[in-house]
């Protein structure tokens, strides 16, 4: 099984005994979505907008072809937009005790938006 990171950043996975492995992003390919906002109505004087994300499916098929032996780690918003069973997300986030920032994860999960 091969894992490819299609996010913008390295992903550090902490294994037992705090051993860690880092999955670097593919430098030549990062999935980017186009965000579209549309005003749909107002409640009293507050505008209500709908946000949609889109991705060029032809680019996706070229750079992330479906193969039985490859899984792709993607951002949560990509997983929500592109519902593919070979897209996984980072789960089990581990935070630094000093800074409370996410420093890695302890596992990945299948796309929950299928």
PDB file of N, CA and C in Angstrom:
ATOM      1  N   UNK A   1       0.850  -1.173   0.000  1.00  0.00           N
ATOM      2  CA  UNK A   1       0.000   0.000   0.000  1.00  0.00           C
ATOM      3  C   UNK A   1       0.897   1.239   0.000  1.00  0.00           C
ATOM      4  N   UNK A   2       0.556   2.205  -0.820  1.00  0.00           N
ATOM      5  CA  UNK A   2       1.307   3.457  -0.891  1.00  0.00           C
ATOM      6  C   UNK A   2       0.405   4.588  -0.395  1.00  0.00           C
ATOM      7  N   UNK A   3       0.989   5.505   0.367  1.00  0.00           N
ATOM      8  CA  UNK A   3       0.244   6.665   0.867  1.00  0.00           C
ATOM      9  C   UNK A   3       0.844   7.912   0.232  1.00  0.00           C
ATOM     10  N   UNK A   4      -0.017   8.751  -0.337  1.00  0.00           N
ATOM     11  CA  UNK A   4       0.427  10.015  -0.929  1.00  0.00           C
ATOM     12  C   UNK A   4      -0.282  11.162  -0.221  1.00  0.00           C
ATOM     13  N   UNK A   5       0.468  12.181   0.104  1.00  0.00           N
ATOM     14  CA  UNK A   5      -0.043  13.341   0.831  1.00  0.00           C
ATOM     15  C   UNK A   5      -0.376  14.447  -0.166  1.00  0.00           C
ATOM     16  N   UNK A   6      -1.659  14.766  -0.314  1.00  0.00           N
ATOM     17  CA  UNK A   6      -2.092  15.824  -1.226  1.00  0.00           C
ATOM     18  C   UNK A   6      -2.456  17.107  -0.493  1.00  0.00           C
ATOM     19  N   UNK A   7      -1.996  17.248   0.752  1.00  0.00           N
ATOM     20  CA  UNK A   7      -2.225  18.493   1.489  1.00  0.00           C
ATOM     21  C   UNK A   7      -1.062  19.441   1.226  1.00  0.00           C
ATOM     22  N   UNK A   8      -1.108  20.612   1.846  1.00  0.00           N
ATOM     23  CA  UNK A   8      -0.059  21.631   1.667  1.00  0.00           C
ATOM     24  C   UNK A   8       1.091  21.465   2.643  1.00  0.00           C
ATOM     25  N   UNK A   9       0.996  20.517   3.570  1.00  0.00           N
ATOM     26  CA  UNK A   9       1.968  20.447   4.656  1.00  0.00           C
ATOM     27  C   UNK A   9       2.357  18.994   4.940  1.00  0.00           C
ATOM     28  N   UNK A  10       3.521  18.791   5.558  1.00  0.00           N
ATOM     29  CA  UNK A  10       3.888  17.431   5.961  1.00  0.00           C
ATOM     30  C   UNK A  10       2.928  16.922   7.036  1.00  0.00           C
ATOM     31  N   UNK A  11       2.732  15.625   7.070  1.00  0.00           N
ATOM     32  CA  UNK A  11       1.876  15.020   8.087  1.00  0.00           C
ATOM     33  C   UNK A  11       2.742  14.093   8.921  1.00  0.00           C
ATOM     34  N   UNK A  12       2.785  14.348  10.220  1.00  0.00           N
ATOM     35  CA  UNK A  12       3.560  13.539  11.144  1.00  0.00           C
ATOM     36  C   UNK A  12       2.619  12.580  11.852  1.00  0.00           C
ATOM     37  N   UNK A  13       2.929  11.296  11.757  1.00  0.00           N
ATOM     38  CA  UNK A  13       2.124  10.266  12.414  1.00  0.00           C
ATOM     39  C   UNK A  13       2.947   9.712  13.572  1.00  0.00           C
ATOM     40  N   UNK A  14       2.376   9.804  14.786  1.00  0.00           N
ATOM     41  CA  UNK A  14       3.032   9.277  15.973  1.00  0.00           C
ATOM     42  C   UNK A  14       2.573   7.844  16.190  1.00  0.00           C
ATOM     43  N   UNK A  15       3.550   6.954  16.254  1.00  0.00           N
ATOM     44  CA  UNK A  15       3.275   5.539  16.458  1.00  0.00           C
ATOM     45  C   UNK A  15       3.506   5.207  17.929  1.00  0.00           C
ATOM     46  N   UNK A  16       3.482   3.940  18.271  1.00  0.00           N
ATOM     47  CA  UNK A  16       3.697   3.583  19.677  1.00  0.00           C
ATOM     48  C   UNK A  16       5.091   4.021  20.129  1.00  0.00           C
ATOM     49  N   UNK A  17       5.210   4.267  21.403  1.00  0.00           N
ATOM     50  CA  UNK A  17       6.467   4.731  22.017  1.00  0.00           C
ATOM     51  C   UNK A  17       6.957   6.050  21.412  1.00  0.00           C
ATOM     52  N   UNK A  18       6.078   6.878  20.933  1.00  0.00           N
ATOM     53  CA  UNK A  18       6.352   8.197  20.373  1.00  0.00           C
ATOM     54  C   UNK A  18       7.267   8.157  19.149  1.00  0.00           C
ATOM     55  N   UNK A  19       7.403   6.976  18.557  1.00  0.00           N
ATOM     56  CA  UNK A  19       8.111   6.906  17.273  1.00  0.00           C
ATOM     57  C   UNK A  19       7.250   7.659  16.272  1.00  0.00           C
ATOM     58  N   UNK A  20       7.880   8.383  15.374  1.00  0.00           N
ATOM     59  CA  UNK A  20       7.081   9.153  14.423  1.00  0.00           C
ATOM     60  C   UNK A  20       7.598   8.974  13.005  1.00  0.00           C
ATOM     61  N   UNK A  21       6.672   9.066  12.081  1.00  0.00           N
ATOM     62  CA  UNK A  21       6.973   9.016  10.651  1.00  0.00           C
ATOM     63  C   UNK A  21       6.316  10.241  10.024  1.00  0.00           C
ATOM     64  N   UNK A  22       7.002  10.842   9.066  1.00  0.00           N
ATOM     65  CA  UNK A  22       6.464  12.031   8.402  1.00  0.00           C
ATOM     66  C   UNK A  22       6.201  11.713   6.940  1.00  0.00           C
ATOM     67  N   UNK A  23       5.009  12.090   6.492  1.00  0.00           N
ATOM     68  CA  UNK A  23       4.619  11.927   5.097  1.00  0.00           C
ATOM     69  C   UNK A  23       4.678  13.308   4.457  1.00  0.00           C
ATOM     70  N   UNK A  24       5.652  13.502   3.606  1.00  0.00           N
ATOM     71  CA  UNK A  24       5.836  14.806   2.962  1.00  0.00           C
ATOM     72  C   UNK A  24       4.766  15.012   1.888  1.00  0.00           C
ATOM     73  N   UNK A  25       4.378  16.260   1.652  1.00  0.00           N
ATOM     74  CA  UNK A  25       3.433  16.520   0.559  1.00  0.00           C
ATOM     75  C   UNK A  25       4.111  16.320  -0.786  1.00  0.00           C
ATOM     76  N   UNK A  26       3.323  15.962  -1.767  1.00  0.00           N
ATOM     77  CA  UNK A  26       3.856  15.880  -3.123  1.00  0.00           C
ATOM     78  C   UNK A  26       4.104  17.305  -3.598  1.00  0.00           C
ATOM     79  N   UNK A  27       5.330  17.638  -3.857  1.00  0.00           N
ATOM     80  CA  UNK A  27       5.680  19.020  -4.189  1.00  0.00           C
ATOM     81  C   UNK A  27       5.081  19.477  -5.516  1.00  0.00           C
ATOM     82  N   UNK A  28       4.831  18.572  -6.408  1.00  0.00           N
ATOM     83  CA  UNK A  28       4.322  18.941  -7.730  1.00  0.00           C
ATOM     84  C   UNK A  28       2.806  18.920  -7.787  1.00  0.00           C
ATOM     85  N   UNK A  29       2.158  18.465  -6.715  1.00  0.00           N
ATOM     86  CA  UNK A  29       0.703  18.373  -6.775  1.00  0.00           C
ATOM     87  C   UNK A  29       0.103  18.665  -5.418  1.00  0.00           C
ATOM     88  N   UNK A  30      -0.742  19.652  -5.383  1.00  0.00           N
ATOM     89  CA  UNK A  30      -1.526  19.938  -4.186  1.00  0.00           C
ATOM     90  C   UNK A  30      -2.935  20.237  -4.652  1.00  0.00           C
ATOM     91  N   UNK A  31      -3.885  19.569  -4.057  1.00  0.00           N
ATOM     92  CA  UNK A  31      -5.263  19.798  -4.472  1.00  0.00           C
ATOM     93  C   UNK A  31      -5.749  21.136  -3.948  1.00  0.00           C
ATOM     94  N   UNK A  32      -6.248  21.949  -4.834  1.00  0.00           N
ATOM     95  CA  UNK A  32      -6.807  23.235  -4.450  1.00  0.00           C
ATOM     96  C   UNK A  32      -8.257  23.299  -4.904  1.00  0.00           C
ATOM     97  N   UNK A  33      -9.073  23.853  -4.054  1.00  0.00           N
ATOM     98  CA  UNK A  33     -10.480  24.031  -4.369  1.00  0.00           C
ATOM     99  C   UNK A  33     -10.752  25.489  -4.699  1.00  0.00           C
ATOM    100  N   UNK A  34     -11.762  25.702  -5.489  1.00  0.00           N
ATOM    101  CA  UNK A  34     -12.224  27.057  -5.769  1.00  0.00           C
ATOM    102  C   UNK A  34     -13.426  27.303  -4.866  1.00  0.00           C
ATOM    103  N   UNK A  35     -13.363  28.377  -4.120  1.00  0.00           N
ATOM    104  CA  UNK A  35     -14.454  28.715  -3.210  1.00  0.00           C
ATOM    105  C   UNK A  35     -15.376  29.717  -3.884  1.00  0.00           C
ATOM    106  N   UNK A  36     -16.675  29.431  -3.816  1.00  0.00           N
ATOM    107  CA  UNK A  36     -17.670  30.344  -4.372  1.00  0.00           C
ATOM    108  C   UNK A  36     -18.671  30.688  -3.273  1.00  0.00           C
ATOM    109  N   UNK A  37     -18.892  31.985  -3.113  1.00  0.00           N
ATOM    110  CA  UNK A  37     -19.882  32.439  -2.136  1.00  0.00           C
ATOM    111  C   UNK A  37     -21.014  33.120  -2.875  1.00  0.00           C
ATOM    112  N   UNK A  38     -22.216  32.812  -2.448  1.00  0.00           N
ATOM    113  CA  UNK A  38     -23.388  33.393  -3.085  1.00  0.00           C
ATOM    114  C   UNK A  38     -24.341  33.885  -2.001  1.00  0.00           C
ATOM    115  N   UNK A  39     -24.750  35.129  -2.118  1.00  0.00           N
ATOM    116  CA  UNK A  39     -25.726  35.669  -1.183  1.00  0.00           C
ATOM    117  C   UNK A  39     -27.086  35.085  -1.530  1.00  0.00           C
ATOM    118  N   UNK A  40     -27.739  34.444  -0.549  1.00  0.00           N
ATOM    119  CA  UNK A  40     -29.016  33.798  -0.858  1.00  0.00           C
ATOM    120  C   UNK A  40     -30.229  34.519  -0.257  1.00  0.00           C
ATOM    121  N   UNK A  41     -30.048  35.237   0.817  1.00  0.00           N
ATOM    122  CA  UNK A  41     -31.117  36.067   1.367  1.00  0.00           C
ATOM    123  C   UNK A  41     -30.585  36.860   2.544  1.00  0.00           C
ATOM    124  N   UNK A  42     -31.424  37.620   3.191  1.00  0.00           N
ATOM    125  CA  UNK A  42     -31.037  38.316   4.416  1.00  0.00           C
ATOM    126  C   UNK A  42     -32.050  37.998   5.506  1.00  0.00           C
ATOM    127  N   UNK A  43     -31.554  37.948   6.714  1.00  0.00           N
ATOM    128  CA  UNK A  43     -32.422  37.816   7.880  1.00  0.00           C
ATOM    129  C   UNK A  43     -32.338  39.153   8.585  1.00  0.00           C
ATOM    130  N   UNK A  44     -33.448  39.876   8.559  1.00  0.00           N
ATOM    131  CA  UNK A  44     -33.463  41.271   8.974  1.00  0.00           C
ATOM    132  C   UNK A  44     -32.428  42.006   8.118  1.00  0.00           C
ATOM    133  N   UNK A  45     -31.324  42.415   8.673  1.00  0.00           N
ATOM    134  CA  UNK A  45     -30.305  43.132   7.913  1.00  0.00           C
ATOM    135  C   UNK A  45     -29.010  42.330   7.754  1.00  0.00           C
ATOM    136  N   UNK A  46     -29.007  41.052   8.222  1.00  0.00           N
ATOM    137  CA  UNK A  46     -27.803  40.225   8.170  1.00  0.00           C
ATOM    138  C   UNK A  46     -27.816  39.376   6.894  1.00  0.00           C
ATOM    139  N   UNK A  47     -26.806  39.531   6.041  1.00  0.00           N
ATOM    140  CA  UNK A  47     -26.766  38.708   4.826  1.00  0.00           C
ATOM    141  C   UNK A  47     -26.470  37.239   5.152  1.00  0.00           C
ATOM    142  N   UNK A  48     -27.135  36.353   4.444  1.00  0.00           N
ATOM    143  CA  UNK A  48     -26.897  34.917   4.557  1.00  0.00           C
ATOM    144  C   UNK A  48     -26.265  34.468   3.251  1.00  0.00           C
ATOM    145  N   UNK A  49     -25.100  33.849   3.338  1.00  0.00           N
ATOM    146  CA  UNK A  49     -24.420  33.401   2.123  1.00  0.00           C
ATOM    147  C   UNK A  49     -24.256  31.885   2.143  1.00  0.00           C
ATOM    148  N   UNK A  50     -24.169  31.341   0.966  1.00  0.00           N
ATOM    149  CA  UNK A  50     -23.906  29.919   0.811  1.00  0.00           C
ATOM    150  C   UNK A  50     -22.509  29.784   0.207  1.00  0.00           C
ATOM    151  N   UNK A  51     -21.696  28.937   0.821  1.00  0.00           N
ATOM    152  CA  UNK A  51     -20.336  28.722   0.333  1.00  0.00           C
ATOM    153  C   UNK A  51     -20.259  27.344  -0.291  1.00  0.00           C
ATOM    154  N   UNK A  52     -19.735  27.295  -1.507  1.00  0.00           N
ATOM    155  CA  UNK A  52     -19.564  26.026  -2.209  1.00  0.00           C
ATOM    156  C   UNK A  52     -18.105  25.911  -2.633  1.00  0.00           C
ATOM    157  N   UNK A  53     -17.642  24.687  -2.683  1.00  0.00           N
ATOM    158  CA  UNK A  53     -16.281  24.410  -3.128  1.00  0.00           C
ATOM    159  C   UNK A  53     -16.346  23.534  -4.364  1.00  0.00           C
ATOM    160  N   UNK A  54     -15.444  23.798  -5.301  1.00  0.00           N
ATOM    161  CA  UNK A  54     -15.396  23.010  -6.526  1.00  0.00           C
ATOM    162  C   UNK A  54     -13.948  22.684  -6.849  1.00  0.00           C
ATOM    163  N   UNK A  55     -13.783  21.594  -7.581  1.00  0.00           N
ATOM    164  CA  UNK A  55     -12.457  21.182  -8.031  1.00  0.00           C
ATOM    165  C   UNK A  55     -12.599  20.683  -9.459  1.00  0.00           C
ATOM    166  N   UNK A  56     -11.578  20.895 -10.236  1.00  0.00           N
ATOM    167  CA  UNK A  56     -11.574  20.421 -11.615  1.00  0.00           C
ATOM    168  C   UNK A  56     -11.338  18.914 -11.594  1.00  0.00           C
ATOM    169  N   UNK A  57     -12.379  18.141 -11.889  1.00  0.00           N
ATOM    170  CA  UNK A  57     -12.298  16.681 -11.817  1.00  0.00           C
ATOM    171  C   UNK A  57     -11.269  16.106 -12.792  1.00  0.00           C
ATOM    172  N   UNK A  58     -11.067  16.729 -13.930  1.00  0.00           N
ATOM    173  CA  UNK A  58     -10.091  16.201 -14.888  1.00  0.00           C
ATOM    174  C   UNK A  58      -8.671  16.303 -14.334  1.00  0.00           C
ATOM    175  N   UNK A  59      -8.385  17.391 -13.635  1.00  0.00           N
ATOM    176  CA  UNK A  59      -7.073  17.532 -12.987  1.00  0.00           C
ATOM    177  C   UNK A  59      -6.936  16.481 -11.891  1.00  0.00           C
ATOM    178  N   UNK A  60      -7.994  16.285 -11.150  1.00  0.00           N
ATOM    179  CA  UNK A  60      -7.982  15.300 -10.070  1.00  0.00           C
ATOM    180  C   UNK A  60      -7.693  13.908 -10.616  1.00  0.00           C
ATOM    181  N   UNK A  61      -8.356  13.507 -11.680  1.00  0.00           N
ATOM    182  CA  UNK A  61      -8.138  12.175 -12.257  1.00  0.00           C
ATOM    183  C   UNK A  61      -6.723  12.023 -12.796  1.00  0.00           C
ATOM    184  N   UNK A  62      -6.145  13.104 -13.310  1.00  0.00           N
ATOM    185  CA  UNK A  62      -4.786  13.036 -13.844  1.00  0.00           C
ATOM    186  C   UNK A  62      -3.748  12.873 -12.736  1.00  0.00           C
ATOM    187  N   UNK A  63      -3.868  13.675 -11.656  1.00  0.00           N
ATOM    188  CA  UNK A  63      -2.862  13.677 -10.606  1.00  0.00           C
ATOM    189  C   UNK A  63      -3.127  12.662  -9.497  1.00  0.00           C
ATOM    190  N   UNK A  64      -4.370  12.258  -9.315  1.00  0.00           N
ATOM    191  CA  UNK A  64      -4.699  11.307  -8.255  1.00  0.00           C
ATOM    192  C   UNK A  64      -5.559  10.184  -8.839  1.00  0.00           C
ATOM    193  N   UNK A  65      -4.974   9.394  -9.750  1.00  0.00           N
ATOM    194  CA  UNK A  65      -5.767   8.327 -10.360  1.00  0.00           C
ATOM    195  C   UNK A  65      -6.125   7.259  -9.332  1.00  0.00           C
ATOM    196  N   UNK A  66      -7.291   6.664  -9.495  1.00  0.00           N
ATOM    197  CA  UNK A  66      -7.704   5.606  -8.577  1.00  0.00           C
ATOM    198  C   UNK A  66      -6.892   4.348  -8.867  1.00  0.00           C
ATOM    199  N   UNK A  67      -6.237   3.862  -7.842  1.00  0.00           N
ATOM    200  CA  UNK A  67      -5.479   2.619  -7.917  1.00  0.00           C
ATOM    201  C   UNK A  67      -5.736   1.858  -6.627  1.00  0.00           C
ATOM    202  N   UNK A  68      -5.837   0.558  -6.711  1.00  0.00           N
ATOM    203  CA  UNK A  68      -6.147  -0.252  -5.528  1.00  0.00           C
ATOM    204  C   UNK A  68      -5.077  -0.156  -4.457  1.00  0.00           C
ATOM    205  N   UNK A  69      -3.844   0.119  -4.818  1.00  0.00           N
ATOM    206  CA  UNK A  69      -2.737   0.087  -3.872  1.00  0.00           C
ATOM    207  C   UNK A  69      -2.274   1.475  -3.432  1.00  0.00           C
ATOM    208  N   UNK A  70      -3.051   2.523  -3.743  1.00  0.00           N
ATOM    209  CA  UNK A  70      -2.680   3.884  -3.348  1.00  0.00           C
ATOM    210  C   UNK A  70      -3.838   4.527  -2.585  1.00  0.00           C
ATOM    211  N   UNK A  71      -3.517   5.161  -1.455  1.00  0.00           N
ATOM    212  CA  UNK A  71      -4.501   6.016  -0.781  1.00  0.00           C
ATOM    213  C   UNK A  71      -3.911   7.419  -0.707  1.00  0.00           C
ATOM    214  N   UNK A  72      -4.784   8.396  -0.658  1.00  0.00           N
ATOM    215  CA  UNK A  72      -4.373   9.797  -0.645  1.00  0.00           C
ATOM    216  C   UNK A  72      -4.863  10.441   0.641  1.00  0.00           C
ATOM    217  N   UNK A  73      -3.995  11.187   1.293  1.00  0.00           N
ATOM    218  CA  UNK A  73      -4.406  11.970   2.457  1.00  0.00           C
ATOM    219  C   UNK A  73      -4.743  13.365   1.946  1.00  0.00           C
ATOM    220  N   UNK A  74      -5.945  13.817   2.281  1.00  0.00           N
ATOM    221  CA  UNK A  74      -6.431  15.106   1.805  1.00  0.00           C
ATOM    222  C   UNK A  74      -6.966  15.909   2.978  1.00  0.00           C
ATOM    223  N   UNK A  75      -7.210  17.185   2.751  1.00  0.00           N
ATOM    224  CA  UNK A  75      -7.808  18.035   3.786  1.00  0.00           C
ATOM    225  C   UNK A  75      -9.281  17.658   3.961  1.00  0.00           C
ATOM    226  N   UNK A  76      -9.831  18.080   5.070  1.00  0.00           N
ATOM    227  CA  UNK A  76     -11.230  17.781   5.364  1.00  0.00           C
ATOM    228  C   UNK A  76     -12.166  18.378   4.317  1.00  0.00           C
ATOM    229  N   UNK A  77     -11.885  19.604   3.873  1.00  0.00           N
ATOM    230  CA  UNK A  77     -12.758  20.241   2.892  1.00  0.00           C
ATOM    231  C   UNK A  77     -12.673  19.534   1.533  1.00  0.00           C
ATOM    232  N   UNK A  78     -11.500  19.012   1.180  1.00  0.00           N
ATOM    233  CA  UNK A  78     -11.393  18.225  -0.059  1.00  0.00           C
ATOM    234  C   UNK A  78     -12.190  16.933   0.082  1.00  0.00           C
ATOM    235  N   UNK A  79     -12.093  16.280   1.229  1.00  0.00           N
ATOM    236  CA  UNK A  79     -12.854  15.045   1.459  1.00  0.00           C
ATOM    237  C   UNK A  79     -14.356  15.301   1.368  1.00  0.00           C
ATOM    238  N   UNK A  80     -14.805  16.462   1.854  1.00  0.00           N
ATOM    239  CA  UNK A  80     -16.229  16.795   1.779  1.00  0.00           C
ATOM    240  C   UNK A  80     -16.663  17.068   0.345  1.00  0.00           C
ATOM    241  N   UNK A  81     -15.788  17.667  -0.431  1.00  0.00           N
ATOM    242  CA  UNK A  81     -16.134  18.070  -1.798  1.00  0.00           C
ATOM    243  C   UNK A  81     -16.004  16.915  -2.771  1.00  0.00           C
ATOM    244  N   UNK A  82     -14.925  16.167  -2.662  1.00  0.00           N
ATOM    245  CA  UNK A  82     -14.650  15.060  -3.578  1.00  0.00           C
ATOM    246  C   UNK A  82     -14.834  13.772  -2.793  1.00  0.00           C
ATOM    247  N   UNK A  83     -15.927  13.116  -3.002  1.00  0.00           N
ATOM    248  CA  UNK A  83     -16.268  11.941  -2.193  1.00  0.00           C
ATOM    249  C   UNK A  83     -15.734  10.672  -2.833  1.00  0.00           C
ATOM    250  N   UNK A  84     -14.461  10.400  -2.533  1.00  0.00           N
ATOM    251  CA  UNK A  84     -13.807   9.202  -3.073  1.00  0.00           C
ATOM    252  C   UNK A  84     -13.373   8.290  -1.942  1.00  0.00           C
ATOM    253  N   UNK A  85     -13.477   6.993  -2.166  1.00  0.00           N
ATOM    254  CA  UNK A  85     -13.138   6.039  -1.114  1.00  0.00           C
ATOM    255  C   UNK A  85     -11.634   5.853  -0.927  1.00  0.00           C
ATOM    256  N   UNK A  86     -10.823   6.394  -1.824  1.00  0.00           N
ATOM    257  CA  UNK A  86      -9.368   6.313  -1.628  1.00  0.00           C
ATOM    258  C   UNK A  86      -8.809   7.586  -1.007  1.00  0.00           C
ATOM    259  N   UNK A  87      -9.693   8.489  -0.579  1.00  0.00           N
ATOM    260  CA  UNK A  87      -9.281   9.706   0.121  1.00  0.00           C
ATOM    261  C   UNK A  87      -9.437   9.485   1.621  1.00  0.00           C
ATOM    262  N   UNK A  88      -8.352   9.720   2.343  1.00  0.00           N
ATOM    263  CA  UNK A  88      -8.353   9.573   3.794  1.00  0.00           C
ATOM    264  C   UNK A  88      -8.079  10.933   4.418  1.00  0.00           C
ATOM    265  N   UNK A  89      -8.481  11.087   5.674  1.00  0.00           N
ATOM    266  CA  UNK A  89      -8.249  12.338   6.393  1.00  0.00           C
ATOM    267  C   UNK A  89      -7.427  12.045   7.650  1.00  0.00           C
ATOM    268  N   UNK A  90      -6.779  13.086   8.164  1.00  0.00           N
ATOM    269  CA  UNK A  90      -6.005  12.970   9.392  1.00  0.00           C
ATOM    270  C   UNK A  90      -6.975  12.908  10.566  1.00  0.00           C
ATOM    271  N   UNK A  91      -6.748  11.945  11.461  1.00  0.00           N
ATOM    272  CA  UNK A  91      -7.572  11.799  12.663  1.00  0.00           C
ATOM    273  C   UNK A  91      -6.660  11.646  13.869  1.00  0.00           C
ATOM    274  N   UNK A  92      -7.252  11.557  15.027  1.00  0.00           N
ATOM    275  CA  UNK A  92      -6.470  11.346  16.236  1.00  0.00           C
ATOM    276  C   UNK A  92      -5.403  12.395  16.418  1.00  0.00           C
ATOM    277  N   UNK A  93      -5.796  13.656  16.313  1.00  0.00           N
ATOM    278  CA  UNK A  93      -4.826  14.749  16.358  1.00  0.00           C
ATOM    279  C   UNK A  93      -4.130  14.818  17.722  1.00  0.00           C
ATOM    280  N   UNK A  94      -2.828  15.042  17.686  1.00  0.00           N
ATOM    281  CA  UNK A  94      -2.024  15.146  18.901  1.00  0.00           C
ATOM    282  C   UNK A  94      -1.540  16.587  19.019  1.00  0.00           C
ATOM    283  N   UNK A  95      -1.795  17.192  20.171  1.00  0.00           N
ATOM    284  CA  UNK A  95      -1.391  18.584  20.406  1.00  0.00           C
ATOM    285  C   UNK A  95      -0.196  18.651  21.337  1.00  0.00           C
ATOM    286  N   UNK A  96       0.618  19.665  21.121  1.00  0.00           N
ATOM    287  CA  UNK A  96       1.744  19.934  22.006  1.00  0.00           C
ATOM    288  C   UNK A  96       1.210  20.417  23.349  1.00  0.00           C
ATOM    289  N   UNK A  97       1.769  19.887  24.428  1.00  0.00           N
ATOM    290  CA  UNK A  97       1.324  20.337  25.751  1.00  0.00           C
ATOM    291  C   UNK A  97       1.765  21.766  26.032  1.00  0.00           C
ATOM    292  N   UNK A  98       2.876  22.187  25.426  1.00  0.00           N
ATOM    293  CA  UNK A  98       3.392  23.527  25.686  1.00  0.00           C
ATOM    294  C   UNK A  98       2.614  24.602  24.904  1.00  0.00           C
ATOM    295  N   UNK A  99       2.374  24.338  23.627  1.00  0.00           N
ATOM    296  CA  UNK A  99       1.782  25.377  22.779  1.00  0.00           C
ATOM    297  C   UNK A  99       0.321  25.129  22.433  1.00  0.00           C
ATOM    298  N   UNK A 100      -0.181  23.921  22.682  1.00  0.00           N
ATOM    299  CA  UNK A 100      -1.549  23.519  22.349  1.00  0.00           C
ATOM    300  C   UNK A 100      -1.795  23.515  20.834  1.00  0.00           C
ATOM    301  N   UNK A 101      -0.720  23.511  20.039  1.00  0.00           N
ATOM    302  CA  UNK A 101      -0.840  23.422  18.587  1.00  0.00           C
ATOM    303  C   UNK A 101      -0.766  21.964  18.169  1.00  0.00           C
ATOM    304  N   UNK A 102      -1.428  21.653  17.073  1.00  0.00           N
ATOM    305  CA  UNK A 102      -1.391  20.287  16.565  1.00  0.00           C
ATOM    306  C   UNK A 102       0.010  20.003  16.023  1.00  0.00           C
ATOM    307  N   UNK A 103       0.600  18.917  16.501  1.00  0.00           N
ATOM    308  CA  UNK A 103       1.944  18.550  16.053  1.00  0.00           C
ATOM    309  C   UNK A 103       1.930  17.262  15.227  1.00  0.00           C
ATOM    310  N   UNK A 104       0.813  16.606  15.158  1.00  0.00           N
ATOM    311  CA  UNK A 104       0.733  15.378  14.380  1.00  0.00           C
ATOM    312  C   UNK A 104      -0.555  14.640  14.671  1.00  0.00           C
ATOM    313  N   UNK A 105      -0.572  13.364  14.287  1.00  0.00           N
ATOM    314  CA  UNK A 105      -1.769  12.559  14.505  1.00  0.00           C
ATOM    315  C   UNK A 105      -1.347  11.160  14.909  1.00  0.00           C
ATOM    316  N   UNK A 106      -2.307  10.379  15.356  1.00  0.00           N
ATOM    317  CA  UNK A 106      -2.004   9.007  15.733  1.00  0.00           C
ATOM    318  C   UNK A 106      -2.629   8.000  14.767  1.00  0.00           C
ATOM    319  N   UNK A 107      -3.480   8.460  13.866  1.00  0.00           N
ATOM    320  CA  UNK A 107      -4.031   7.590  12.838  1.00  0.00           C
ATOM    321  C   UNK A 107      -4.671   8.408  11.736  1.00  0.00           C
ATOM    322  N   UNK A 108      -5.006   7.752  10.641  1.00  0.00           N
ATOM    323  CA  UNK A 108      -5.791   8.372   9.572  1.00  0.00           C
ATOM    324  C   UNK A 108      -7.091   7.601   9.456  1.00  0.00           C
ATOM    325  N   UNK A 109      -8.095   8.218   8.848  1.00  0.00           N
ATOM    326  CA  UNK A 109      -9.417   7.607   8.737  1.00  0.00           C
ATOM    327  C   UNK A 109      -9.913   7.679   7.306  1.00  0.00           C
ATOM    328  N   UNK A 110     -10.736   6.708   6.913  1.00  0.00           N
ATOM    329  CA  UNK A 110     -11.360   6.790   5.594  1.00  0.00           C
ATOM    330  C   UNK A 110     -12.253   8.026   5.490  1.00  0.00           C
ATOM    331  N   UNK A 111     -12.510   8.442   4.272  1.00  0.00           N
ATOM    332  CA  UNK A 111     -13.360   9.611   4.031  1.00  0.00           C
ATOM    333  C   UNK A 111     -14.730   9.399   4.677  1.00  0.00           C
ATOM    334  N   UNK A 112     -15.084  10.221   5.666  1.00  0.00           N
ATOM    335  CA  UNK A 112     -16.370  10.053   6.346  1.00  0.00           C
ATOM    336  C   UNK A 112     -17.560  10.610   5.555  1.00  0.00           C
ATOM    337  N   UNK A 113     -17.303  11.226   4.424  1.00  0.00           N
ATOM    338  CA  UNK A 113     -18.377  11.894   3.659  1.00  0.00           C
ATOM    339  C   UNK A 113     -18.837  11.099   2.456  1.00  0.00           C
ATOM    340  N   UNK A 114     -18.591   9.788   2.451  1.00  0.00           N
ATOM    341  CA  UNK A 114     -19.036   8.971   1.313  1.00  0.00           C
ATOM    342  C   UNK A 114     -20.522   8.737   1.362  1.00  0.00           C
TER     343      UNK A 114
END
